[in-house]
Amino acid sequence: MLRWQLAATLAIGAASGCSEPTCCIDDYPATYALLYGTIRLASQAPAPNTLVRAGDGLGVRTDSAGRYRLPTTLHGLSAGTSMVNVTVFRSDSQGRLVDSSAVQVQVPFFSTQPPRDSVQVNIVAPWS
């Protein structure tokens, strides 16, 4: 199955004029944002080691005080303000996802990196 998927990816790349399978994946203009803040539990205690993600991008984990700093890159989006889902994920002691919570936030995206501004997003997770 994996061999077939790789062949299909190579065929799609060849049909579009790309010499490598990855050259067509990321050719949309990039825009950049920076989110930062604190994740707290319903009890107001900090939520350490909580995964924070913006949109479909990669996430970061909070530090022992529940703080995070999340550089965000989105493709195919014009510079300006856009609504983005910011999701926090709680894991058990084995690292398995056990819960999540999301908020929608207006975020300014810029065509240059690093972004010229940042957005503070503090979240109180509904779990204890």
N, C-alpha and C. Protein backbone atom coordinates (compact mmCIF):
# COMPACT_ATOMS: atom_id res chain seq x y z
N MET A 1 0.82 -1.19 0.00
CA MET A 1 0.00 0.00 0.00
C MET A 1 0.87 1.26 0.00
N LEU A 2 1.88 1.28 0.87
CA LEU A 2 2.75 2.44 0.94
C LEU A 2 3.47 2.66 -0.38
N ARG A 3 3.90 1.60 -1.05
CA ARG A 3 4.58 1.72 -2.32
C ARG A 3 3.65 2.36 -3.36
N TRP A 4 2.37 1.98 -3.34
CA TRP A 4 1.41 2.56 -4.28
C TRP A 4 1.21 4.05 -4.00
N GLN A 5 1.11 4.44 -2.71
CA GLN A 5 0.93 5.85 -2.38
C GLN A 5 2.12 6.68 -2.83
N LEU A 6 3.31 6.17 -2.66
CA LEU A 6 4.50 6.89 -3.10
C LEU A 6 4.50 7.02 -4.62
N ALA A 7 4.13 5.96 -5.33
CA ALA A 7 4.07 6.02 -6.79
C ALA A 7 3.03 7.03 -7.24
N ALA A 8 1.89 7.08 -6.56
CA ALA A 8 0.85 8.04 -6.92
C ALA A 8 1.34 9.46 -6.69
N THR A 9 2.05 9.70 -5.60
CA THR A 9 2.60 11.02 -5.33
C THR A 9 3.61 11.41 -6.39
N LEU A 10 4.47 10.50 -6.77
CA LEU A 10 5.45 10.79 -7.81
C LEU A 10 4.77 11.06 -9.14
N ALA A 11 3.71 10.32 -9.44
CA ALA A 11 2.99 10.53 -10.70
C ALA A 11 2.32 11.89 -10.71
N ILE A 12 1.73 12.30 -9.60
CA ILE A 12 1.09 13.61 -9.53
C ILE A 12 2.13 14.70 -9.70
N GLY A 13 3.28 14.55 -9.04
CA GLY A 13 4.36 15.52 -9.17
C GLY A 13 4.85 15.62 -10.60
N ALA A 14 5.00 14.48 -11.27
CA ALA A 14 5.48 14.49 -12.65
C ALA A 14 4.47 15.15 -13.58
N ALA A 15 3.18 14.90 -13.33
CA ALA A 15 2.15 15.47 -14.19
C ALA A 15 2.07 16.98 -14.06
N SER A 16 2.44 17.50 -12.90
CA SER A 16 2.35 18.95 -12.70
C SER A 16 3.66 19.65 -13.00
N GLY A 17 4.66 18.93 -13.45
CA GLY A 17 5.92 19.55 -13.83
C GLY A 17 6.93 19.61 -12.71
N CYS A 18 6.66 18.97 -11.59
CA CYS A 18 7.60 18.98 -10.47
C CYS A 18 8.58 17.83 -10.63
N SER A 19 9.81 18.05 -10.23
CA SER A 19 10.80 16.98 -10.32
C SER A 19 10.86 16.17 -9.03
N GLU A 20 10.34 16.71 -7.93
CA GLU A 20 10.32 15.97 -6.67
C GLU A 20 8.91 15.99 -6.10
N PRO A 21 8.51 14.94 -5.37
CA PRO A 21 7.14 14.87 -4.89
C PRO A 21 6.77 15.97 -3.91
N THR A 22 7.71 16.55 -3.18
CA THR A 22 7.37 17.56 -2.18
C THR A 22 7.31 18.97 -2.73
N CYS A 23 7.72 19.20 -3.96
CA CYS A 23 7.81 20.58 -4.44
C CYS A 23 6.45 21.22 -4.66
N CYS A 24 5.41 20.46 -4.81
CA CYS A 24 4.08 21.02 -5.07
C CYS A 24 3.24 21.17 -3.81
N ILE A 25 3.68 20.66 -2.71
CA ILE A 25 2.88 20.65 -1.50
C ILE A 25 2.80 22.03 -0.86
N ASP A 26 3.87 22.78 -0.88
CA ASP A 26 3.96 23.99 -0.08
C ASP A 26 4.27 25.22 -0.92
N ASP A 27 3.55 25.40 -2.03
CA ASP A 27 3.88 26.54 -2.88
C ASP A 27 2.90 27.70 -2.72
N TYR A 28 2.03 27.67 -1.72
CA TYR A 28 1.14 28.79 -1.44
C TYR A 28 1.89 29.83 -0.62
N PRO A 29 1.56 31.11 -0.78
CA PRO A 29 2.24 32.14 0.02
C PRO A 29 2.04 31.89 1.51
N ALA A 30 3.07 32.14 2.29
CA ALA A 30 3.00 31.94 3.73
C ALA A 30 2.71 33.26 4.43
N THR A 31 1.96 33.18 5.52
CA THR A 31 1.75 34.31 6.41
C THR A 31 2.09 33.85 7.82
N TYR A 32 2.48 34.80 8.67
CA TYR A 32 3.06 34.46 9.96
C TYR A 32 2.35 35.20 11.09
N ALA A 33 2.24 34.53 12.22
CA ALA A 33 1.67 35.13 13.43
C ALA A 33 2.41 34.58 14.63
N LEU A 34 2.27 35.27 15.74
CA LEU A 34 2.86 34.80 16.99
C LEU A 34 1.80 34.89 18.08
N LEU A 35 1.51 33.75 18.68
CA LEU A 35 0.57 33.69 19.80
C LEU A 35 1.35 33.34 21.05
N TYR A 36 0.92 33.88 22.18
CA TYR A 36 1.54 33.55 23.44
C TYR A 36 0.49 33.67 24.54
N GLY A 37 0.74 33.08 25.67
CA GLY A 37 -0.21 33.21 26.76
C GLY A 37 -0.01 32.14 27.81
N THR A 38 -1.07 31.93 28.58
CA THR A 38 -1.05 30.98 29.68
C THR A 38 -2.29 30.09 29.60
N ILE A 39 -2.08 28.81 29.87
CA ILE A 39 -3.19 27.87 29.94
C ILE A 39 -3.37 27.52 31.42
N ARG A 40 -4.60 27.67 31.89
CA ARG A 40 -4.92 27.37 33.29
C ARG A 40 -6.04 26.35 33.34
N LEU A 41 -6.08 25.62 34.45
CA LEU A 41 -7.16 24.69 34.71
C LEU A 41 -8.37 25.45 35.26
N ALA A 42 -9.51 24.78 35.37
CA ALA A 42 -10.71 25.42 35.91
C ALA A 42 -10.47 25.94 37.32
N SER A 43 -9.56 25.31 38.06
CA SER A 43 -9.22 25.74 39.43
C SER A 43 -8.29 26.96 39.44
N GLN A 44 -7.89 27.44 38.26
CA GLN A 44 -6.95 28.55 38.06
C GLN A 44 -5.50 28.14 38.26
N ALA A 45 -5.25 26.87 38.54
CA ALA A 45 -3.86 26.38 38.61
C ALA A 45 -3.29 26.32 37.20
N PRO A 46 -1.96 26.51 37.05
CA PRO A 46 -1.37 26.41 35.71
C PRO A 46 -1.51 25.00 35.15
N ALA A 47 -1.56 24.90 33.83
CA ALA A 47 -1.67 23.61 33.14
C ALA A 47 -0.34 23.31 32.46
N PRO A 48 0.62 22.70 33.18
CA PRO A 48 1.92 22.41 32.58
C PRO A 48 1.83 21.26 31.58
N ASN A 49 2.75 21.27 30.62
CA ASN A 49 2.88 20.20 29.62
C ASN A 49 1.61 19.98 28.81
N THR A 50 0.85 21.05 28.58
CA THR A 50 -0.36 20.99 27.77
C THR A 50 0.01 21.38 26.34
N LEU A 51 -0.45 20.62 25.37
CA LEU A 51 -0.18 20.91 23.96
C LEU A 51 -1.12 22.02 23.49
N VAL A 52 -0.58 23.04 22.83
CA VAL A 52 -1.35 24.16 22.29
C VAL A 52 -1.11 24.20 20.79
N ARG A 53 -2.20 24.24 20.00
CA ARG A 53 -2.09 24.32 18.54
C ARG A 53 -2.96 25.44 18.01
N ALA A 54 -2.51 26.08 16.94
CA ALA A 54 -3.30 27.09 16.24
C ALA A 54 -3.60 26.57 14.85
N GLY A 55 -4.87 26.49 14.49
CA GLY A 55 -5.24 25.95 13.18
C GLY A 55 -4.79 24.50 13.07
N ASP A 56 -4.26 24.15 11.91
CA ASP A 56 -3.77 22.79 11.67
C ASP A 56 -2.26 22.69 11.83
N GLY A 57 -1.64 23.74 12.35
CA GLY A 57 -0.19 23.76 12.46
C GLY A 57 0.34 22.90 13.59
N LEU A 58 1.64 22.88 13.67
CA LEU A 58 2.30 22.16 14.76
C LEU A 58 2.04 22.90 16.07
N GLY A 59 2.15 22.21 17.15
CA GLY A 59 1.89 22.82 18.44
C GLY A 59 3.13 22.91 19.30
N VAL A 60 2.97 23.52 20.44
CA VAL A 60 4.01 23.61 21.46
C VAL A 60 3.41 23.18 22.79
N ARG A 61 4.26 22.80 23.72
CA ARG A 61 3.81 22.42 25.07
C ARG A 61 4.05 23.58 26.04
N THR A 62 3.16 23.71 26.99
CA THR A 62 3.32 24.74 28.00
C THR A 62 4.44 24.37 28.97
N ASP A 63 5.03 25.39 29.58
CA ASP A 63 6.07 25.15 30.58
C ASP A 63 5.42 24.84 31.94
N SER A 64 6.21 24.76 32.99
CA SER A 64 5.69 24.38 34.32
C SER A 64 4.69 25.40 34.87
N ALA A 65 4.73 26.64 34.37
CA ALA A 65 3.78 27.67 34.81
C ALA A 65 2.59 27.80 33.86
N GLY A 66 2.48 26.89 32.87
CA GLY A 66 1.38 26.93 31.92
C GLY A 66 1.55 27.93 30.80
N ARG A 67 2.74 28.51 30.65
CA ARG A 67 2.99 29.51 29.60
C ARG A 67 3.42 28.84 28.30
N TYR A 68 3.10 29.51 27.19
CA TYR A 68 3.52 29.02 25.88
C TYR A 68 3.82 30.20 24.97
N ARG A 69 4.56 29.92 23.93
CA ARG A 69 4.88 30.88 22.84
C ARG A 69 4.78 30.07 21.57
N LEU A 70 3.86 30.43 20.67
CA LEU A 70 3.54 29.62 19.50
C LEU A 70 3.69 30.41 18.20
N PRO A 71 4.86 30.32 17.53
CA PRO A 71 4.97 30.89 16.19
C PRO A 71 4.07 30.08 15.25
N THR A 72 3.31 30.77 14.42
CA THR A 72 2.32 30.11 13.57
C THR A 72 2.51 30.53 12.13
N THR A 73 2.50 29.56 11.23
CA THR A 73 2.59 29.82 9.80
C THR A 73 1.38 29.21 9.12
N LEU A 74 0.68 30.00 8.33
CA LEU A 74 -0.43 29.49 7.52
C LEU A 74 -0.13 29.77 6.06
N HIS A 75 -0.56 28.87 5.20
CA HIS A 75 -0.33 29.01 3.76
C HIS A 75 -1.65 29.25 3.04
N GLY A 76 -1.58 30.03 1.97
CA GLY A 76 -2.75 30.31 1.16
C GLY A 76 -3.67 31.34 1.79
N LEU A 77 -3.16 32.10 2.73
CA LEU A 77 -3.93 33.10 3.44
C LEU A 77 -3.27 34.45 3.21
N SER A 78 -4.04 35.45 2.88
CA SER A 78 -3.48 36.79 2.69
C SER A 78 -3.16 37.41 4.04
N ALA A 79 -2.19 38.32 4.04
CA ALA A 79 -1.88 39.04 5.27
C ALA A 79 -3.12 39.81 5.72
N GLY A 80 -3.31 39.88 7.01
CA GLY A 80 -4.48 40.54 7.59
C GLY A 80 -4.98 39.73 8.77
N THR A 81 -6.12 40.11 9.29
CA THR A 81 -6.67 39.44 10.46
C THR A 81 -7.58 38.29 10.04
N SER A 82 -7.39 37.13 10.67
CA SER A 82 -8.21 35.95 10.38
C SER A 82 -8.60 35.25 11.67
N MET A 83 -9.75 34.59 11.63
CA MET A 83 -10.19 33.78 12.77
C MET A 83 -9.45 32.45 12.73
N VAL A 84 -8.90 32.05 13.87
CA VAL A 84 -8.13 30.81 13.97
C VAL A 84 -8.60 30.05 15.21
N ASN A 85 -8.73 28.74 15.09
CA ASN A 85 -9.00 27.91 16.26
C ASN A 85 -7.70 27.69 17.01
N VAL A 86 -7.70 27.99 18.29
CA VAL A 86 -6.58 27.67 19.17
C VAL A 86 -7.09 26.55 20.07
N THR A 87 -6.41 25.39 20.00
CA THR A 87 -6.86 24.21 20.71
C THR A 87 -5.81 23.79 21.73
N VAL A 88 -6.29 23.42 22.92
CA VAL A 88 -5.41 22.87 23.95
C VAL A 88 -5.77 21.41 24.14
N PHE A 89 -4.75 20.58 24.30
CA PHE A 89 -4.92 19.13 24.42
C PHE A 89 -4.34 18.67 25.75
N ARG A 90 -5.14 17.92 26.50
CA ARG A 90 -4.66 17.34 27.76
C ARG A 90 -4.29 15.88 27.52
N SER A 91 -3.18 15.47 28.08
CA SER A 91 -2.70 14.09 27.94
C SER A 91 -2.64 13.42 29.30
N ASP A 92 -2.72 12.09 29.30
CA ASP A 92 -2.54 11.35 30.56
C ASP A 92 -1.06 11.13 30.80
N SER A 93 -0.72 10.40 31.86
CA SER A 93 0.69 10.21 32.23
C SER A 93 1.47 9.41 31.18
N GLN A 94 0.77 8.66 30.30
CA GLN A 94 1.44 7.92 29.23
C GLN A 94 1.51 8.74 27.92
N GLY A 95 1.01 9.98 27.96
CA GLY A 95 1.07 10.83 26.77
C GLY A 95 -0.09 10.67 25.83
N ARG A 96 -1.12 9.91 26.21
CA ARG A 96 -2.30 9.72 25.36
C ARG A 96 -3.26 10.88 25.52
N LEU A 97 -3.84 11.32 24.42
CA LEU A 97 -4.81 12.41 24.43
C LEU A 97 -6.06 11.97 25.18
N VAL A 98 -6.48 12.76 26.17
CA VAL A 98 -7.68 12.42 26.92
C VAL A 98 -8.75 13.50 26.84
N ASP A 99 -8.40 14.71 26.41
CA ASP A 99 -9.38 15.78 26.35
C ASP A 99 -8.81 16.93 25.52
N SER A 100 -9.70 17.76 25.00
CA SER A 100 -9.26 18.96 24.29
C SER A 100 -10.31 20.05 24.46
N SER A 101 -9.90 21.27 24.23
CA SER A 101 -10.79 22.41 24.30
C SER A 101 -10.28 23.44 23.29
N ALA A 102 -11.19 24.15 22.63
CA ALA A 102 -10.78 25.10 21.60
C ALA A 102 -11.52 26.43 21.77
N VAL A 103 -10.85 27.49 21.36
CA VAL A 103 -11.46 28.81 21.28
C VAL A 103 -11.13 29.39 19.91
N GLN A 104 -11.99 30.27 19.41
CA GLN A 104 -11.70 30.98 18.17
C GLN A 104 -11.17 32.36 18.52
N VAL A 105 -10.09 32.74 17.85
CA VAL A 105 -9.42 34.00 18.15
C VAL A 105 -9.11 34.73 16.85
N GLN A 106 -9.28 36.04 16.85
CA GLN A 106 -8.85 36.84 15.70
C GLN A 106 -7.36 37.08 15.83
N VAL A 107 -6.62 36.70 14.79
CA VAL A 107 -5.17 36.76 14.82
C VAL A 107 -4.67 37.56 13.61
N PRO A 108 -3.78 38.53 13.84
CA PRO A 108 -3.18 39.25 12.70
C PRO A 108 -2.05 38.40 12.10
N PHE A 109 -2.12 38.19 10.80
CA PHE A 109 -1.08 37.47 10.07
C PHE A 109 -0.33 38.46 9.19
N PHE A 110 0.98 38.27 9.10
CA PHE A 110 1.85 39.16 8.35
C PHE A 110 2.60 38.39 7.28
N SER A 111 2.96 39.06 6.21
CA SER A 111 3.67 38.41 5.11
C SER A 111 5.16 38.29 5.38
N THR A 112 5.64 38.88 6.46
CA THR A 112 7.07 38.81 6.79
C THR A 112 7.27 38.05 8.10
N GLN A 113 8.44 37.47 8.20
CA GLN A 113 8.79 36.76 9.41
C GLN A 113 10.04 37.39 10.02
N PRO A 114 10.12 37.68 11.30
CA PRO A 114 9.09 37.44 12.30
C PRO A 114 7.93 38.41 12.14
N PRO A 115 6.75 38.02 12.63
CA PRO A 115 5.59 38.91 12.50
C PRO A 115 5.82 40.21 13.28
N ARG A 116 5.18 41.29 12.83
CA ARG A 116 5.37 42.60 13.45
C ARG A 116 4.62 42.76 14.76
N ASP A 117 3.74 41.83 15.09
CA ASP A 117 2.94 41.95 16.29
C ASP A 117 2.64 40.55 16.82
N SER A 118 2.04 40.46 17.99
CA SER A 118 1.69 39.17 18.56
C SER A 118 0.32 39.28 19.23
N VAL A 119 -0.24 38.14 19.57
CA VAL A 119 -1.56 38.10 20.19
C VAL A 119 -1.47 37.26 21.46
N GLN A 120 -1.96 37.83 22.55
CA GLN A 120 -2.01 37.07 23.79
C GLN A 120 -3.32 36.30 23.84
N VAL A 121 -3.21 34.98 24.01
CA VAL A 121 -4.38 34.11 24.11
C VAL A 121 -4.23 33.30 25.40
N ASN A 122 -4.98 33.69 26.43
CA ASN A 122 -5.00 32.97 27.69
C ASN A 122 -6.26 32.10 27.69
N ILE A 123 -6.11 30.84 28.04
CA ILE A 123 -7.23 29.91 28.01
C ILE A 123 -7.38 29.25 29.37
N VAL A 124 -8.62 29.19 29.83
CA VAL A 124 -8.95 28.41 31.02
C VAL A 124 -9.59 27.13 30.50
N ALA A 125 -8.88 26.03 30.66
CA ALA A 125 -9.38 24.73 30.19
C ALA A 125 -10.50 24.26 31.11
N PRO A 126 -11.51 23.60 30.58
CA PRO A 126 -12.66 23.21 31.40
C PRO A 126 -12.39 22.03 32.33
N TRP A 127 -11.25 21.40 32.22
CA TRP A 127 -10.98 20.25 33.08
C TRP A 127 -10.26 20.67 34.34
N SER A 128 -10.27 19.80 35.35
CA SER A 128 -9.63 20.14 36.63
C SER A 128 -8.31 19.43 36.80
